[in-house]
Amino acid sequence: MASEEQPLPDGTIIVELARSGIVLTVSPGQSILDAVREAGIAASSSCEQGTCGACATEVLEGTPDHFDAVLSPQEKREGKVMMICCSGALTDRLVLDL
């Protein structure tokens, strides 16, 4: 008997780390940065509030939901980079260059 896929809880994001080959489930209320660190991947950060830009990460697929004070409005619209300490996703899945 095949197992059925269960829908993700609201606010849950699937994050694929392209260089590491790891797929993470980021729970509501958990930052992408925290999930990355829990997976044993070193990620730069400093303020962890979206004001310094140290955790800037390239987005390969998906649409980030920006909550930082670093990126310009145009950079936010382009969606090529995100601050993983505070930002989330508008799509169910992101692929990051980590």
N, C-alpha and C. Protein backbone atom coordinates (compact mmCIF):
# COMPACT_ATOMS: atom_id res chain seq x y z
N MET A 1 0.84 -1.18 0.00
CA MET A 1 0.00 0.00 0.00
C MET A 1 0.89 1.24 0.00
N ALA A 2 0.69 2.14 -0.93
CA ALA A 2 1.50 3.35 -1.03
C ALA A 2 1.06 4.35 0.02
N SER A 3 2.03 5.05 0.58
CA SER A 3 1.67 6.07 1.57
C SER A 3 1.19 7.32 0.85
N GLU A 4 0.23 7.98 1.45
CA GLU A 4 -0.31 9.20 0.88
C GLU A 4 0.46 10.39 1.42
N GLU A 5 0.72 11.36 0.55
CA GLU A 5 1.39 12.57 1.00
C GLU A 5 0.41 13.40 1.82
N GLN A 6 0.89 13.90 2.94
CA GLN A 6 0.08 14.74 3.79
C GLN A 6 0.33 16.20 3.42
N PRO A 7 -0.70 17.03 3.41
CA PRO A 7 -0.48 18.44 3.11
C PRO A 7 0.37 19.09 4.19
N LEU A 8 1.12 20.10 3.82
CA LEU A 8 1.94 20.83 4.78
C LEU A 8 1.07 21.74 5.62
N PRO A 9 1.40 21.88 6.90
CA PRO A 9 0.66 22.84 7.73
C PRO A 9 0.83 24.25 7.17
N ASP A 10 -0.18 25.09 7.34
CA ASP A 10 -0.10 26.47 6.88
C ASP A 10 1.16 27.13 7.43
N GLY A 11 1.86 27.83 6.55
CA GLY A 11 3.07 28.54 6.97
C GLY A 11 4.34 27.72 6.90
N THR A 12 4.24 26.43 6.61
CA THR A 12 5.41 25.58 6.50
C THR A 12 6.04 25.78 5.12
N ILE A 13 7.36 25.84 5.09
CA ILE A 13 8.09 26.04 3.84
C ILE A 13 9.05 24.88 3.64
N ILE A 14 9.12 24.38 2.42
CA ILE A 14 10.14 23.40 2.06
C ILE A 14 11.30 24.20 1.46
N VAL A 15 12.49 24.02 2.01
CA VAL A 15 13.67 24.74 1.54
C VAL A 15 14.72 23.72 1.10
N GLU A 16 15.07 23.79 -0.17
CA GLU A 16 16.12 22.92 -0.70
C GLU A 16 17.41 23.72 -0.72
N LEU A 17 18.46 23.12 -0.17
CA LEU A 17 19.78 23.74 -0.18
C LEU A 17 20.54 23.12 -1.34
N ALA A 18 20.66 23.86 -2.43
CA ALA A 18 21.16 23.32 -3.70
C ALA A 18 22.57 22.75 -3.59
N ARG A 19 23.49 23.48 -3.00
CA ARG A 19 24.88 22.99 -2.92
C ARG A 19 25.02 21.82 -1.95
N SER A 20 24.22 21.82 -0.89
CA SER A 20 24.33 20.77 0.13
C SER A 20 23.51 19.54 -0.20
N GLY A 21 22.52 19.69 -1.08
CA GLY A 21 21.65 18.58 -1.42
C GLY A 21 20.69 18.20 -0.30
N ILE A 22 20.43 19.12 0.60
CA ILE A 22 19.56 18.86 1.75
C ILE A 22 18.22 19.55 1.52
N VAL A 23 17.14 18.88 1.90
CA VAL A 23 15.81 19.47 1.84
C VAL A 23 15.31 19.61 3.28
N LEU A 24 14.92 20.82 3.63
CA LEU A 24 14.47 21.12 4.99
C LEU A 24 13.00 21.47 5.02
N THR A 25 12.36 21.18 6.13
CA THR A 25 11.01 21.65 6.38
C THR A 25 11.12 22.73 7.45
N VAL A 26 10.74 23.94 7.09
CA VAL A 26 10.80 25.07 8.01
C VAL A 26 9.40 25.30 8.56
N SER A 27 9.26 25.11 9.85
CA SER A 27 7.96 25.22 10.52
C SER A 27 7.56 26.67 10.72
N PRO A 28 6.26 26.93 10.85
CA PRO A 28 5.82 28.29 11.16
C PRO A 28 6.50 28.77 12.44
N GLY A 29 6.98 30.00 12.42
CA GLY A 29 7.65 30.56 13.59
C GLY A 29 9.14 30.26 13.65
N GLN A 30 9.62 29.38 12.79
CA GLN A 30 11.04 29.04 12.74
C GLN A 30 11.67 29.82 11.58
N SER A 31 12.86 30.37 11.79
CA SER A 31 13.52 31.07 10.69
C SER A 31 14.22 30.06 9.79
N ILE A 32 14.39 30.44 8.54
CA ILE A 32 15.13 29.59 7.62
C ILE A 32 16.56 29.43 8.13
N LEU A 33 17.13 30.51 8.66
CA LEU A 33 18.49 30.45 9.22
C LEU A 33 18.59 29.40 10.32
N ASP A 34 17.63 29.36 11.24
CA ASP A 34 17.65 28.36 12.31
C ASP A 34 17.55 26.95 11.75
N ALA A 35 16.68 26.74 10.76
CA ALA A 35 16.54 25.41 10.17
C ALA A 35 17.83 24.98 9.46
N VAL A 36 18.47 25.92 8.79
CA VAL A 36 19.74 25.63 8.11
C VAL A 36 20.80 25.23 9.12
N ARG A 37 20.89 25.97 10.20
CA ARG A 37 21.88 25.64 11.25
C ARG A 37 21.57 24.29 11.91
N GLU A 38 20.30 24.02 12.15
CA GLU A 38 19.93 22.72 12.75
C GLU A 38 20.33 21.56 11.85
N ALA A 39 20.39 21.82 10.55
CA ALA A 39 20.80 20.78 9.59
C ALA A 39 22.32 20.65 9.52
N GLY A 40 23.03 21.48 10.29
CA GLY A 40 24.48 21.39 10.32
C GLY A 40 25.20 22.18 9.25
N ILE A 41 24.48 23.10 8.60
CA ILE A 41 25.07 23.92 7.55
C ILE A 41 25.47 25.26 8.16
N ALA A 42 26.71 25.65 7.96
CA ALA A 42 27.18 26.95 8.45
C ALA A 42 26.61 28.04 7.56
N ALA A 43 26.00 29.02 8.16
CA ALA A 43 25.45 30.16 7.43
C ALA A 43 25.83 31.43 8.17
N SER A 44 26.29 32.42 7.44
CA SER A 44 26.69 33.69 8.04
C SER A 44 25.48 34.42 8.58
N SER A 45 25.68 35.12 9.69
CA SER A 45 24.65 35.99 10.24
C SER A 45 25.30 36.89 11.26
N SER A 46 24.59 37.94 11.64
CA SER A 46 25.08 38.83 12.68
C SER A 46 23.91 39.31 13.53
N CYS A 47 23.09 40.20 12.99
CA CYS A 47 22.02 40.79 13.80
C CYS A 47 20.84 39.85 14.01
N GLU A 48 20.57 38.99 13.03
CA GLU A 48 19.44 38.06 13.03
C GLU A 48 18.09 38.78 13.13
N GLN A 49 18.06 40.02 12.64
CA GLN A 49 16.82 40.80 12.63
C GLN A 49 16.56 41.43 11.26
N GLY A 50 17.41 41.14 10.29
CA GLY A 50 17.20 41.67 8.95
C GLY A 50 17.70 43.07 8.72
N THR A 51 18.65 43.52 9.56
CA THR A 51 19.15 44.89 9.40
C THR A 51 20.60 44.98 8.95
N CYS A 52 21.34 43.87 8.95
CA CYS A 52 22.77 43.96 8.63
C CYS A 52 23.14 43.38 7.26
N GLY A 53 22.41 42.42 6.77
CA GLY A 53 22.71 41.82 5.47
C GLY A 53 23.70 40.67 5.49
N ALA A 54 24.17 40.28 6.67
CA ALA A 54 25.18 39.22 6.75
C ALA A 54 24.67 37.86 6.28
N CYS A 55 23.38 37.62 6.38
CA CYS A 55 22.83 36.31 6.01
C CYS A 55 22.27 36.29 4.59
N ALA A 56 22.59 37.30 3.78
CA ALA A 56 22.08 37.37 2.41
C ALA A 56 22.39 36.06 1.68
N THR A 57 21.37 35.48 1.06
CA THR A 57 21.50 34.19 0.39
C THR A 57 20.82 34.27 -0.97
N GLU A 58 21.47 33.71 -1.98
CA GLU A 58 20.91 33.71 -3.33
C GLU A 58 19.74 32.75 -3.41
N VAL A 59 18.66 33.20 -4.03
CA VAL A 59 17.45 32.40 -4.25
C VAL A 59 17.50 31.88 -5.69
N LEU A 60 17.47 30.55 -5.83
CA LEU A 60 17.53 29.93 -7.16
C LEU A 60 16.14 29.64 -7.72
N GLU A 61 15.19 29.32 -6.83
CA GLU A 61 13.80 29.06 -7.23
C GLU A 61 12.89 29.46 -6.09
N GLY A 62 11.66 29.82 -6.44
CA GLY A 62 10.67 30.21 -5.45
C GLY A 62 10.63 31.72 -5.28
N THR A 63 9.68 32.17 -4.48
CA THR A 63 9.48 33.60 -4.26
C THR A 63 9.61 33.92 -2.78
N PRO A 64 10.64 34.66 -2.40
CA PRO A 64 10.79 35.03 -1.00
C PRO A 64 9.76 36.07 -0.56
N ASP A 65 9.48 36.07 0.73
CA ASP A 65 8.63 37.07 1.37
C ASP A 65 9.56 37.87 2.28
N HIS A 66 9.95 39.05 1.82
CA HIS A 66 11.00 39.83 2.48
C HIS A 66 10.49 40.59 3.70
N PHE A 67 11.24 40.47 4.79
CA PHE A 67 10.96 41.22 6.02
C PHE A 67 12.20 41.92 6.52
N ASP A 68 13.15 42.16 5.62
CA ASP A 68 14.41 42.80 6.02
C ASP A 68 14.37 44.29 5.73
N ALA A 69 15.35 44.99 6.26
CA ALA A 69 15.51 46.43 6.01
C ALA A 69 16.76 46.70 5.19
N VAL A 70 17.26 45.68 4.50
CA VAL A 70 18.53 45.78 3.77
C VAL A 70 18.31 45.96 2.27
N LEU A 71 17.47 45.13 1.69
CA LEU A 71 17.27 45.13 0.24
C LEU A 71 16.42 46.32 -0.20
N SER A 72 16.73 46.82 -1.39
CA SER A 72 15.93 47.89 -1.97
C SER A 72 14.59 47.32 -2.45
N PRO A 73 13.61 48.17 -2.68
CA PRO A 73 12.33 47.67 -3.22
C PRO A 73 12.53 46.90 -4.53
N GLN A 74 13.42 47.36 -5.38
CA GLN A 74 13.67 46.65 -6.65
C GLN A 74 14.28 45.27 -6.39
N GLU A 75 15.25 45.19 -5.47
CA GLU A 75 15.85 43.89 -5.15
C GLU A 75 14.82 42.93 -4.58
N LYS A 76 13.91 43.45 -3.79
CA LYS A 76 12.85 42.62 -3.24
C LYS A 76 11.93 42.10 -4.34
N ARG A 77 11.58 42.97 -5.28
CA ARG A 77 10.74 42.54 -6.41
C ARG A 77 11.44 41.48 -7.25
N GLU A 78 12.74 41.64 -7.47
CA GLU A 78 13.50 40.68 -8.28
C GLU A 78 13.57 39.31 -7.61
N GLY A 79 13.63 39.27 -6.29
CA GLY A 79 13.60 38.01 -5.55
C GLY A 79 14.80 37.11 -5.75
N LYS A 80 15.95 37.68 -6.09
CA LYS A 80 17.15 36.87 -6.34
C LYS A 80 17.98 36.63 -5.09
N VAL A 81 17.75 37.45 -4.07
CA VAL A 81 18.49 37.37 -2.81
C VAL A 81 17.50 37.57 -1.68
N MET A 82 17.77 36.89 -0.54
CA MET A 82 16.93 37.09 0.63
C MET A 82 17.76 37.01 1.90
N MET A 83 17.26 37.61 2.96
CA MET A 83 17.88 37.51 4.28
C MET A 83 17.19 36.35 5.00
N ILE A 84 17.91 35.26 5.18
CA ILE A 84 17.29 34.04 5.71
C ILE A 84 17.05 34.09 7.22
N CYS A 85 17.51 35.16 7.87
CA CYS A 85 17.27 35.27 9.31
C CYS A 85 15.84 35.68 9.63
N CYS A 86 15.20 36.41 8.71
CA CYS A 86 13.90 36.98 9.04
C CYS A 86 12.84 36.81 7.95
N SER A 87 13.25 36.49 6.74
CA SER A 87 12.31 36.42 5.63
C SER A 87 11.76 35.02 5.46
N GLY A 88 10.61 34.94 4.83
CA GLY A 88 9.96 33.66 4.59
C GLY A 88 9.76 33.44 3.10
N ALA A 89 8.63 32.85 2.74
CA ALA A 89 8.37 32.54 1.34
C ALA A 89 6.90 32.77 1.00
N LEU A 90 6.68 33.23 -0.21
CA LEU A 90 5.32 33.36 -0.74
C LEU A 90 4.92 32.09 -1.48
N THR A 91 5.88 31.23 -1.75
CA THR A 91 5.65 29.94 -2.38
C THR A 91 5.89 28.85 -1.34
N ASP A 92 5.41 27.65 -1.58
CA ASP A 92 5.58 26.54 -0.64
C ASP A 92 7.01 26.02 -0.60
N ARG A 93 7.80 26.39 -1.61
CA ARG A 93 9.15 25.83 -1.75
C ARG A 93 10.12 26.90 -2.21
N LEU A 94 11.31 26.89 -1.62
CA LEU A 94 12.41 27.74 -2.05
C LEU A 94 13.61 26.86 -2.32
N VAL A 95 14.43 27.23 -3.30
CA VAL A 95 15.72 26.59 -3.51
C VAL A 95 16.75 27.69 -3.30
N LEU A 96 17.65 27.44 -2.35
CA LEU A 96 18.67 28.43 -2.00
C LEU A 96 20.06 27.93 -2.37
N ASP A 97 20.95 28.85 -2.63
CA ASP A 97 22.33 28.53 -2.99
C ASP A 97 23.15 28.33 -1.72
N LEU A 98 22.88 27.26 -1.02
CA LEU A 98 23.62 26.89 0.20
C LEU A 98 23.96 25.42 0.13
